N, C-alpha and C. Protein backbone atom coordinates (compact mmCIF):
# COMPACT_ATOMS: atom_id res chain seq x y z
N UNK A 1 84.85 141.00 28.10
CA UNK A 1 85.59 140.78 27.00
C UNK A 1 84.74 139.92 26.05
N UNK A 2 84.87 140.20 24.79
CA UNK A 2 84.02 139.36 23.75
C UNK A 2 85.02 139.04 22.60
N UNK A 3 84.96 137.81 22.21
CA UNK A 3 85.76 137.32 21.03
C UNK A 3 85.29 137.96 19.68
N UNK A 4 86.13 138.39 18.83
CA UNK A 4 85.75 138.86 17.55
C UNK A 4 86.03 137.90 16.45
N UNK A 5 86.86 136.91 16.74
CA UNK A 5 87.25 135.85 15.88
C UNK A 5 87.75 134.58 16.50
N UNK A 6 87.30 133.48 16.13
CA UNK A 6 87.66 132.11 16.61
C UNK A 6 87.88 131.24 15.48
N UNK A 7 89.17 130.61 15.42
CA UNK A 7 89.47 129.78 14.37
C UNK A 7 90.37 128.60 14.87
N UNK A 8 90.26 127.52 14.11
CA UNK A 8 91.28 126.39 14.29
C UNK A 8 92.51 126.92 13.64
N UNK A 9 93.67 126.89 14.34
CA UNK A 9 94.95 127.17 13.75
C UNK A 9 95.75 126.01 13.43
N UNK A 10 95.45 124.92 13.88
CA UNK A 10 96.16 123.64 13.61
C UNK A 10 95.21 122.46 13.85
N UNK A 11 95.74 121.36 13.82
CA UNK A 11 94.95 120.19 14.13
C UNK A 11 94.72 119.94 15.55
N UNK A 12 95.35 120.83 16.34
CA UNK A 12 95.23 120.66 17.83
C UNK A 12 95.14 121.83 18.66
N UNK A 13 94.75 122.87 18.00
CA UNK A 13 94.54 124.18 18.76
C UNK A 13 93.63 125.23 18.06
N UNK A 14 93.02 126.06 18.85
CA UNK A 14 92.29 127.16 18.30
C UNK A 14 92.88 128.61 18.85
N UNK A 15 92.64 129.56 18.10
CA UNK A 15 93.09 130.90 18.49
C UNK A 15 91.69 131.76 18.66
N UNK A 16 91.82 132.54 19.66
CA UNK A 16 90.65 133.34 19.96
C UNK A 16 91.16 134.78 19.92
N UNK A 17 90.56 135.69 19.09
CA UNK A 17 90.93 137.21 18.96
C UNK A 17 89.84 137.95 19.71
N UNK A 18 90.33 138.65 20.71
CA UNK A 18 89.34 139.36 21.58
C UNK A 18 89.23 140.86 21.11
N UNK A 19 88.12 141.42 21.60
CA UNK A 19 87.90 142.81 21.25
C UNK A 19 88.83 143.83 21.79
N UNK A 20 89.79 143.57 22.70
CA UNK A 20 90.82 144.36 23.06
C UNK A 20 92.16 144.17 22.32
N UNK A 21 92.02 143.17 21.28
CA UNK A 21 93.25 142.94 20.47
C UNK A 21 94.15 141.70 20.92
N UNK A 22 93.79 141.32 22.08
CA UNK A 22 94.53 139.94 22.58
C UNK A 22 94.24 138.80 21.61
N UNK A 23 95.30 138.05 21.18
CA UNK A 23 95.05 136.90 20.60
C UNK A 23 95.46 135.78 21.38
N UNK A 24 94.55 134.92 21.81
CA UNK A 24 94.79 133.88 22.78
C UNK A 24 94.85 132.45 21.99
N UNK A 25 95.22 131.44 22.66
CA UNK A 25 95.29 130.12 22.08
C UNK A 25 94.76 129.14 23.25
N UNK A 26 94.15 128.11 22.62
CA UNK A 26 93.77 126.97 23.47
C UNK A 26 93.92 125.65 22.86
N UNK A 27 94.55 124.71 23.46
CA UNK A 27 94.72 123.30 22.88
C UNK A 27 93.39 122.62 23.02
N UNK A 28 93.23 121.76 21.92
CA UNK A 28 91.91 120.93 21.99
C UNK A 28 91.88 120.06 23.21
N UNK A 29 93.11 119.39 23.55
CA UNK A 29 93.03 118.50 24.72
C UNK A 29 92.61 119.17 25.97
N UNK A 30 93.38 120.36 26.23
CA UNK A 30 92.94 120.94 27.46
C UNK A 30 91.52 121.56 27.53
N UNK A 31 90.90 121.97 26.42
CA UNK A 31 89.52 122.19 26.37
C UNK A 31 88.62 121.10 26.71
N UNK A 32 88.95 120.03 26.04
CA UNK A 32 88.15 118.86 26.27
C UNK A 32 88.26 118.19 27.69
N UNK A 33 89.54 118.27 28.22
CA UNK A 33 89.83 117.74 29.65
C UNK A 33 89.08 118.62 30.70
N UNK A 34 88.68 119.89 30.20
CA UNK A 34 88.02 120.85 31.19
C UNK A 34 86.63 121.17 30.66
N UNK A 35 86.02 120.19 29.98
CA UNK A 35 84.71 120.40 29.65
C UNK A 35 83.66 120.70 30.64
N UNK A 36 82.93 121.82 30.56
CA UNK A 36 82.12 122.29 31.70
C UNK A 36 80.70 121.59 31.81
N UNK A 37 80.42 120.65 31.06
CA UNK A 37 79.06 120.08 31.15
C UNK A 37 79.01 119.27 32.46
N UNK A 38 77.74 119.11 32.96
CA UNK A 38 77.47 118.46 34.24
C UNK A 38 78.03 117.05 34.10
N UNK A 39 77.98 116.32 33.16
CA UNK A 39 78.49 114.96 33.15
C UNK A 39 79.90 114.89 33.28
N UNK A 40 80.57 115.69 32.68
CA UNK A 40 82.18 115.76 32.71
C UNK A 40 82.61 116.28 34.04
N UNK A 41 81.97 117.31 34.58
CA UNK A 41 82.22 117.82 35.93
C UNK A 41 82.15 116.70 36.95
N UNK A 42 81.04 116.10 36.91
CA UNK A 42 80.74 114.93 37.89
C UNK A 42 81.82 113.85 37.71
N UNK A 43 82.17 113.51 36.54
CA UNK A 43 83.20 112.48 36.41
C UNK A 43 84.44 112.93 36.86
N UNK A 44 84.92 114.22 36.70
CA UNK A 44 86.19 114.71 37.22
C UNK A 44 86.16 114.60 38.75
N UNK A 45 84.97 114.98 39.39
CA UNK A 45 84.94 115.00 40.73
C UNK A 45 85.06 113.53 41.35
N UNK A 46 84.33 112.70 40.80
CA UNK A 46 84.42 111.29 41.17
C UNK A 46 85.77 110.68 41.16
N UNK A 47 86.55 111.12 40.03
CA UNK A 47 87.85 110.42 39.72
C UNK A 47 88.90 111.23 40.46
N UNK A 48 88.66 112.31 41.13
CA UNK A 48 89.60 113.19 41.83
C UNK A 48 90.43 112.28 42.86
N UNK A 49 91.85 112.26 42.66
CA UNK A 49 92.52 111.45 43.62
C UNK A 49 92.78 110.02 43.10
N UNK A 50 92.02 109.48 42.27
CA UNK A 50 92.22 108.13 41.93
C UNK A 50 93.05 107.96 40.68
N UNK A 51 93.76 106.83 40.74
CA UNK A 51 94.76 106.52 39.62
C UNK A 51 93.90 105.59 38.74
N UNK A 52 93.79 106.11 37.41
CA UNK A 52 93.04 105.24 36.49
C UNK A 52 93.89 105.25 35.14
N UNK A 53 93.62 104.19 34.47
CA UNK A 53 94.28 104.02 33.16
C UNK A 53 93.44 104.84 32.10
N UNK A 54 94.09 105.80 31.48
CA UNK A 54 93.29 106.61 30.46
C UNK A 54 92.88 105.78 29.31
N UNK A 55 91.68 105.89 28.88
CA UNK A 55 91.04 105.31 27.73
C UNK A 55 90.96 106.25 26.69
N UNK A 56 91.51 106.17 25.49
CA UNK A 56 91.46 107.00 24.41
C UNK A 56 90.11 106.73 23.58
N UNK A 57 89.40 107.70 23.28
CA UNK A 57 88.15 107.48 22.46
C UNK A 57 88.44 108.27 21.17
N UNK A 58 88.23 107.59 20.11
CA UNK A 58 88.41 108.15 18.71
C UNK A 58 87.69 109.45 18.63
N UNK A 59 88.43 110.52 18.16
CA UNK A 59 87.74 111.73 18.04
C UNK A 59 87.60 112.70 19.15
N UNK A 60 88.04 112.19 20.38
CA UNK A 60 87.87 112.78 21.63
C UNK A 60 88.51 114.15 21.71
N UNK A 61 89.62 114.32 20.98
CA UNK A 61 90.46 115.54 21.02
C UNK A 61 90.44 116.30 19.65
N UNK A 62 89.37 115.92 18.92
CA UNK A 62 89.09 116.68 17.53
C UNK A 62 87.85 117.52 17.66
N UNK A 63 87.95 118.69 17.14
CA UNK A 63 86.88 119.56 17.08
C UNK A 63 86.12 119.36 15.64
N UNK A 64 84.76 119.05 15.91
CA UNK A 64 83.96 118.93 14.67
C UNK A 64 83.28 120.28 14.27
N UNK A 65 82.77 121.04 15.35
CA UNK A 65 82.38 122.39 15.06
C UNK A 65 82.32 123.21 16.36
N UNK A 66 82.22 124.57 16.05
CA UNK A 66 82.21 125.57 17.18
C UNK A 66 81.05 126.41 16.85
N UNK A 67 80.11 126.67 17.72
CA UNK A 67 79.09 127.53 17.56
C UNK A 67 78.86 128.59 18.55
N UNK A 68 78.51 129.71 18.32
CA UNK A 68 78.35 130.84 19.36
C UNK A 68 77.07 130.60 20.07
N UNK A 69 76.97 130.84 21.46
CA UNK A 69 75.83 130.61 22.21
C UNK A 69 75.50 131.98 22.74
N UNK A 70 74.58 132.69 22.36
CA UNK A 70 74.21 134.09 22.69
C UNK A 70 75.45 134.94 22.53
N UNK A 71 75.61 135.84 23.62
CA UNK A 71 76.71 136.74 23.73
C UNK A 71 77.70 136.30 24.84
N UNK A 72 77.70 135.06 25.19
CA UNK A 72 78.46 134.77 26.41
C UNK A 72 79.25 133.38 26.34
N UNK A 73 79.07 132.65 25.33
CA UNK A 73 79.75 131.29 25.24
C UNK A 73 79.93 130.82 23.87
N UNK A 74 80.53 129.77 23.70
CA UNK A 74 80.63 128.97 22.61
C UNK A 74 80.37 127.52 22.96
N UNK A 75 79.83 126.67 21.98
CA UNK A 75 79.51 125.31 22.20
C UNK A 75 80.45 124.58 21.19
N UNK A 76 81.20 123.61 21.71
CA UNK A 76 82.10 122.82 20.90
C UNK A 76 81.54 121.46 20.87
N UNK A 77 81.50 120.93 19.48
CA UNK A 77 81.06 119.57 19.19
C UNK A 77 82.44 118.72 19.02
N UNK A 78 82.63 117.66 19.67
CA UNK A 78 83.93 116.96 19.51
C UNK A 78 83.76 115.83 18.53
N UNK A 79 84.83 115.38 18.04
CA UNK A 79 84.79 114.38 17.00
C UNK A 79 84.11 113.06 17.43
N UNK A 80 84.01 112.74 18.75
CA UNK A 80 83.38 111.53 19.32
C UNK A 80 81.88 111.91 19.52
N UNK A 81 81.36 113.00 19.09
CA UNK A 81 79.90 113.47 19.28
C UNK A 81 79.59 114.15 20.54
N UNK A 82 80.44 114.29 21.63
CA UNK A 82 80.20 114.88 22.67
C UNK A 82 80.06 116.37 22.38
N UNK A 83 79.02 117.08 22.85
CA UNK A 83 78.81 118.49 22.74
C UNK A 83 77.90 119.25 23.61
N UNK A 84 77.83 118.97 24.95
CA UNK A 84 76.97 119.62 25.72
C UNK A 84 77.53 120.66 26.53
N UNK A 85 78.95 120.91 26.50
CA UNK A 85 79.56 121.88 27.32
C UNK A 85 79.58 123.12 26.62
N UNK A 86 79.22 124.19 27.49
CA UNK A 86 79.32 125.64 27.03
C UNK A 86 80.54 126.24 27.57
N UNK A 87 81.37 126.69 26.80
CA UNK A 87 82.48 127.36 27.31
C UNK A 87 82.39 128.91 27.24
N UNK A 88 82.24 129.47 28.55
CA UNK A 88 81.85 130.82 28.53
C UNK A 88 83.14 131.78 28.00
N UNK A 89 82.79 133.00 27.63
CA UNK A 89 83.81 133.79 27.10
C UNK A 89 84.87 134.12 28.49
N UNK A 90 84.18 134.22 29.49
CA UNK A 90 84.94 134.53 30.74
C UNK A 90 85.90 133.25 30.90
N UNK A 91 85.59 132.14 30.88
CA UNK A 91 86.34 131.02 31.00
C UNK A 91 87.38 131.00 30.02
N UNK A 92 87.06 131.13 28.79
CA UNK A 92 88.11 131.11 27.65
C UNK A 92 89.20 132.16 27.92
N UNK A 93 88.94 133.34 28.30
CA UNK A 93 89.89 134.40 28.57
C UNK A 93 90.70 133.98 29.74
N UNK A 94 90.23 133.48 30.77
CA UNK A 94 90.87 133.15 31.99
C UNK A 94 91.79 132.06 31.77
N UNK A 95 91.37 131.08 30.93
CA UNK A 95 92.24 129.84 30.70
C UNK A 95 93.06 129.92 29.52
N UNK A 96 93.37 130.99 28.99
CA UNK A 96 94.25 131.28 27.78
C UNK A 96 95.55 130.64 27.89
N UNK A 97 96.05 129.96 26.88
CA UNK A 97 97.29 129.24 27.03
C UNK A 97 98.40 129.87 26.22
N UNK A 98 98.19 131.18 25.78
CA UNK A 98 99.17 131.87 24.97
C UNK A 98 100.44 132.04 25.88
N UNK A 99 101.60 132.33 25.29
CA UNK A 99 102.74 132.54 26.01
C UNK A 99 102.63 133.71 27.05
N UNK A 100 102.08 134.81 26.59
CA UNK A 100 101.84 135.96 27.49
C UNK A 100 101.02 135.62 28.67
N UNK A 101 99.96 134.97 28.45
CA UNK A 101 99.07 134.77 29.73
C UNK A 101 99.61 133.48 30.57
N UNK A 102 100.42 132.68 29.97
CA UNK A 102 100.94 131.55 30.62
C UNK A 102 102.17 132.06 31.67
N UNK A 103 102.83 133.09 31.05
CA UNK A 103 103.90 133.78 31.77
C UNK A 103 103.35 134.42 32.94
N UNK A 104 102.28 135.22 32.70
CA UNK A 104 101.65 136.05 33.67
C UNK A 104 101.02 135.13 34.83
N UNK A 105 100.51 134.03 34.54
CA UNK A 105 99.93 133.01 35.52
C UNK A 105 100.96 132.52 36.36
N UNK A 106 102.19 132.28 35.71
CA UNK A 106 103.31 131.54 36.39
C UNK A 106 104.08 132.44 37.28
N UNK A 107 104.06 133.74 37.10
CA UNK A 107 104.67 134.82 37.77
C UNK A 107 104.09 135.03 39.24
């Protein structure tokens, strides 16, 4: 699957239109919390099972820019300057938060 169009649809989510016609959605918060970069993955692994006080960083859940990376991923630069994670098309399709996909996963 390949996206044909990606756009911000609100201040907190993007829509992804795929070449099969599916229109998916992703919230900024969920994308950021699942950032695939090595630093974020390591941090999530180290914090697994620990109770911590969440610390909000200004711009953490705001998208500054989205850029295509080859024919397989997008790179998101967040409002706080973080931008090393590459979100593969496979990941985006698999983690779609639209009602249709959410219902399918829940069943």
